[in-house]
Amino acid sequence: MVVGVMGAMPEEIDPILKRLENVKKHEVADNVYYTAFYGSLDLVVAYSKIGKVFSALTAATMIEKFGVQKMLFSGVAGAISPALHIGDLVAATKLCQHDLDITAFGHPYGYVPEGKVYVEADPRLLEIAASVAYKQGVKLKRGIIATGDQFVADAERKAWIGQTFNADALEMEGASVAVVCDALGVPFFVLRAISDAADMDAGFDFDAFLQSSAVKSADFIFMILDELDQA
């Protein structure tokens, strides 16, 4: 099985690459992709760079050029829900684009014609994640994740996204990866560790907790890989 593991930044995939052996580098479409074996799995690992365009390009390249059959995204996010705190793990049940706006034509926020507001994550991968969390004693929360080409550090904007999309967390890549995987028929799973509260302190908290949160997300991704390897 060919499994893709994505992040947006080097900090999000470095903890993954450090645990792999005999890693090969491939330069495609102005980015670097890493391949390695992990048990019976053929892994393709990459960081996309920040934002929806780059993450969509990277996801499509991993699927079309490297034959990825399942996609796992590991990274960090800002909390919207007051129930989420720095370091918490949240698995996306569905994802939306909070900055997509053609409401002038009578459509809801996040919608484009022939599209949909929410893209749902793969139920089977969510089940595997829940089983792994239970067996390992890890707290894993589920929620709606909102994506946009904005680093949100504003309480008013955060509240609007939460109310408009019933979102629990926000970031800058998940929904675009979801759209690509959904269109190409590839099951996907998006995991985020909370690094900040998307408020006026978000910039400081993000810098302070990026690395530790990224490592926590990566550790859980490896638990899922172990489960897929045994399947």
Protein backbone atom coordinates (compact mmCIF):
# COMPACT_ATOMS: atom_id res chain seq x y z
CA MET A 1 0.00 0.00 0.00
CA VAL A 2 1.26 3.46 -0.89
CA VAL A 3 0.52 5.94 1.90
CA GLY A 4 1.09 9.67 1.68
CA VAL A 5 2.04 11.67 4.77
CA MET A 6 1.77 15.42 4.36
CA GLY A 7 2.55 18.48 6.40
CA ALA A 8 2.62 22.15 5.51
CA MET A 9 5.98 23.08 7.03
CA PRO A 10 9.33 21.36 7.59
CA GLU A 11 8.60 21.27 11.33
CA GLU A 12 5.56 19.10 10.64
CA ILE A 13 7.34 16.38 8.66
CA ASP A 14 10.80 16.43 10.27
CA PRO A 15 9.60 14.23 13.19
CA ILE A 16 8.36 11.74 10.59
CA LEU A 17 11.47 11.70 8.43
CA LYS A 18 13.70 11.22 11.49
CA ARG A 19 12.04 7.88 12.16
CA LEU A 20 12.49 6.50 8.64
CA GLU A 21 15.49 4.74 7.14
CA ASN A 22 16.93 4.75 3.62
CA VAL A 23 14.94 7.81 2.64
CA LYS A 24 15.12 8.85 -1.02
CA LYS A 25 14.55 12.40 -2.26
CA HIS A 26 12.67 13.30 -5.43
CA GLU A 27 12.30 16.79 -6.87
CA VAL A 28 8.99 17.29 -8.64
CA ALA A 29 6.98 20.44 -9.41
CA ASP A 30 9.29 22.73 -7.46
CA ASN A 31 9.05 20.65 -4.31
CA VAL A 32 10.86 17.75 -2.62
CA TYR A 33 9.18 14.40 -1.99
CA TYR A 34 10.64 11.70 0.21
CA THR A 35 10.03 7.99 -0.21
CA ALA A 36 10.83 5.17 2.19
CA PHE A 37 9.52 1.81 3.31
CA TYR A 38 7.87 1.47 6.71
CA GLY A 39 7.13 -2.18 7.32
CA SER A 40 4.92 -3.26 4.43
CA LEU A 41 3.99 0.33 3.61
CA ASP A 42 5.47 2.39 0.81
CA LEU A 43 5.53 5.93 2.23
CA VAL A 44 5.59 9.19 0.34
CA VAL A 45 6.29 12.18 2.60
CA ALA A 46 6.27 15.88 1.76
CA TYR A 47 5.66 19.31 3.19
CA SER A 48 3.63 21.41 0.82
CA LYS A 49 4.50 24.92 1.95
CA ILE A 50 1.80 27.03 3.54
CA GLY A 51 -1.62 27.65 2.02
CA LYS A 52 -4.34 26.06 -0.06
CA VAL A 53 -2.71 26.32 -3.49
CA PHE A 54 0.55 24.67 -2.46
CA SER A 55 -1.16 21.96 -0.43
CA ALA A 56 -3.52 21.12 -3.30
CA LEU A 57 -0.58 20.93 -5.70
CA THR A 58 1.38 18.68 -3.35
CA ALA A 59 -1.55 16.35 -2.67
CA ALA A 60 -2.29 16.01 -6.40
CA THR A 61 1.37 15.33 -7.17
CA MET A 62 1.59 12.66 -4.47
CA ILE A 63 -1.46 10.92 -5.87
CA GLU A 64 -0.81 11.29 -9.59
CA LYS A 65 3.00 10.97 -9.68
CA PHE A 66 3.67 8.67 -6.72
CA GLY A 67 0.49 6.58 -6.67
CA VAL A 68 -0.61 7.43 -3.12
CA GLN A 69 -3.64 5.32 -2.14
CA LYS A 70 -4.33 6.79 1.31
CA MET A 71 -3.44 10.27 2.51
CA LEU A 72 -2.60 11.28 6.08
CA PHE A 73 -2.05 14.92 7.01
CA SER A 74 -0.12 15.79 10.16
CA GLY A 75 0.25 19.28 11.53
CA VAL A 76 -0.89 22.02 13.88
CA ALA A 77 -3.97 24.22 14.10
CA GLY A 78 -5.56 27.05 16.02
CA ALA A 79 -8.41 26.27 18.38
CA ILE A 80 -11.87 27.73 17.93
CA SER A 81 -13.75 25.51 20.36
CA PRO A 82 -13.12 26.40 24.01
CA ALA A 83 -12.91 22.66 24.64
CA LEU A 84 -9.63 22.51 22.69
CA HIS A 85 -6.37 23.48 24.36
CA ILE A 86 -2.73 23.69 23.30
CA GLY A 87 -1.40 20.19 22.67
CA ASP A 88 -4.82 18.58 22.14
CA LEU A 89 -5.19 16.30 19.13
CA VAL A 90 -8.18 16.78 16.84
CA ALA A 91 -9.15 14.60 13.90
CA ALA A 92 -11.22 16.28 11.21
CA THR A 93 -14.61 14.70 10.62
CA LYS A 94 -15.13 17.15 7.76
CA LEU A 95 -13.42 20.25 6.42
CA CYS A 96 -14.47 23.52 4.81
CA GLN A 97 -12.93 26.67 3.31
CA HIS A 98 -13.77 29.63 5.52
CA ASP A 99 -12.38 32.23 3.09
CA LEU A 100 -14.32 31.06 0.04
CA ASP A 101 -17.02 33.66 -0.53
CA ILE A 102 -19.43 33.97 -3.46
CA THR A 103 -22.37 34.90 -1.25
CA ALA A 104 -23.05 37.78 -3.66
CA PHE A 105 -24.59 35.14 -5.96
CA GLY A 106 -26.81 33.68 -3.27
CA HIS A 107 -24.57 30.81 -2.22
CA PRO A 108 -23.53 30.02 1.35
CA TYR A 109 -20.02 30.74 2.56
CA GLY A 110 -17.56 28.04 1.55
CA TYR A 111 -19.57 26.83 -1.45
CA VAL A 112 -18.81 26.84 -5.16
CA PRO A 113 -21.19 25.60 -7.90
CA GLU A 114 -20.81 21.85 -8.48
CA GLY A 115 -18.94 21.68 -5.18
CA LYS A 116 -19.93 21.45 -1.53
CA VAL A 117 -19.29 23.36 1.67
CA TYR A 118 -17.89 20.38 3.59
CA VAL A 119 -15.72 17.47 2.50
CA GLU A 120 -15.97 14.47 4.83
CA ALA A 121 -12.92 12.54 5.99
CA ASP A 122 -12.71 8.81 5.37
CA PRO A 123 -14.85 6.96 7.96
CA ARG A 124 -12.57 3.92 8.03
CA LEU A 125 -9.46 5.99 8.79
CA LEU A 126 -11.39 7.80 11.51
CA GLU A 127 -12.34 4.42 12.99
CA ILE A 128 -8.71 3.29 12.92
CA ALA A 129 -7.66 6.53 14.62
CA ALA A 130 -10.28 6.08 17.33
CA SER A 131 -9.17 2.48 17.91
CA VAL A 132 -5.52 3.51 18.10
CA ALA A 133 -6.32 6.31 20.55
CA TYR A 134 -8.28 3.92 22.77
CA LYS A 135 -5.58 1.24 22.79
CA GLN A 136 -2.77 3.74 23.41
CA GLY A 137 -4.65 5.79 25.99
CA VAL A 138 -4.38 8.94 23.87
CA LYS A 139 -7.05 11.61 24.00
CA LEU A 140 -8.25 12.23 20.44
CA LYS A 141 -11.05 14.67 19.78
CA ARG A 142 -13.09 14.96 16.60
CA GLY A 143 -14.32 18.12 15.02
CA ILE A 144 -14.90 20.28 11.99
CA ILE A 145 -11.78 21.98 10.69
CA ALA A 146 -11.95 25.22 8.71
CA THR A 147 -9.22 26.11 6.21
CA GLY A 148 -8.27 29.47 4.74
CA ASP A 149 -5.35 31.41 3.31
CA GLN A 150 -5.11 33.47 6.48
CA PHE A 151 -3.26 33.04 9.76
CA VAL A 152 -6.10 33.97 12.09
CA ALA A 153 -5.04 35.93 15.17
CA ASP A 154 -8.25 37.84 15.74
CA ALA A 155 -11.00 36.94 18.20
CA GLU A 156 -13.76 38.44 16.03
CA ARG A 157 -12.73 36.54 12.90
CA LYS A 158 -12.29 33.37 14.94
CA ALA A 159 -15.82 33.71 16.37
CA TRP A 160 -17.29 34.31 12.90
CA ILE A 161 -15.67 31.17 11.49
CA GLY A 162 -16.87 29.13 14.44
CA GLN A 163 -20.44 30.38 14.14
CA THR A 164 -20.65 30.23 10.35
CA PHE A 165 -19.20 26.74 9.89
CA ASN A 166 -19.67 25.22 13.35
CA ALA A 167 -15.89 24.76 13.22
CA ASP A 168 -13.75 23.55 16.09
CA ALA A 169 -10.31 24.44 14.74
CA LEU A 170 -8.75 26.32 11.86
CA GLU A 171 -5.64 26.05 9.71
CA MET A 172 -4.43 26.74 6.17
CA GLU A 173 -4.24 23.44 4.21
CA GLY A 174 -6.62 20.68 5.28
CA ALA A 175 -9.69 21.46 3.19
CA SER A 176 -7.72 21.90 -0.03
CA VAL A 177 -6.08 18.50 0.50
CA ALA A 178 -9.54 17.11 1.23
CA VAL A 179 -10.95 18.52 -2.02
CA VAL A 180 -8.14 16.93 -4.06
CA CYS A 181 -8.43 13.54 -2.33
CA ASP A 182 -12.22 13.56 -2.63
CA ALA A 183 -12.07 14.38 -6.34
CA LEU A 184 -9.48 11.67 -7.03
CA GLY A 185 -11.09 9.01 -4.85
CA VAL A 186 -8.30 8.76 -2.26
CA PRO A 187 -9.29 8.16 1.39
CA PHE A 188 -7.82 10.84 3.64
CA PHE A 189 -7.34 11.68 7.30
CA VAL A 190 -6.39 15.11 8.69
CA LEU A 191 -4.88 15.28 12.16
CA ARG A 192 -4.03 18.53 13.91
CA ALA A 193 -2.42 19.28 17.25
CA ILE A 194 -3.50 22.58 18.73
CA SER A 195 -0.69 25.16 18.78
CA ASP A 196 -2.63 28.35 19.60
CA ALA A 197 -6.08 29.78 20.28
CA ALA A 198 -6.36 31.88 17.08
CA ASP A 199 -6.56 35.06 19.18
CA MET A 200 -4.29 38.07 19.69
CA ASP A 201 -1.67 35.80 21.29
CA ALA A 202 -1.76 33.31 18.40
CA GLY A 203 1.52 34.43 16.85
CA PHE A 204 3.42 34.05 20.10
CA ASP A 205 1.79 30.73 21.01
CA PHE A 206 2.31 29.35 17.50
CA ASP A 207 6.04 30.03 17.63
CA ALA A 208 6.30 28.66 21.16
CA PHE A 209 4.32 25.47 20.65
CA LEU A 210 4.78 24.67 16.95
CA GLN A 211 7.50 22.09 17.42
CA SER A 212 6.02 20.26 20.42
CA SER A 213 2.56 20.16 18.86
CA ALA A 214 3.96 18.95 15.52
CA VAL A 215 5.83 16.12 17.27
CA LYS A 216 2.67 15.08 19.10
CA SER A 217 0.74 14.95 15.83
CA ALA A 218 3.52 13.01 14.10
CA ASP A 219 3.69 10.47 16.92
CA PHE A 220 0.01 9.71 16.50
CA ILE A 221 0.38 9.44 12.72
CA PHE A 222 2.97 6.71 13.31
CA MET A 223 0.48 4.83 15.47
CA ILE A 224 -1.93 4.88 12.53
CA LEU A 225 0.83 3.74 10.17
CA ASP A 226 1.55 0.83 12.51
CA GLU A 227 -2.12 -0.13 12.36
CA LEU A 228 -2.19 0.11 8.55
CA ASP A 229 0.99 -1.95 8.36
CA GLN A 230 -0.67 -4.75 10.30
CA ALA A 231 -3.88 -4.70 8.26
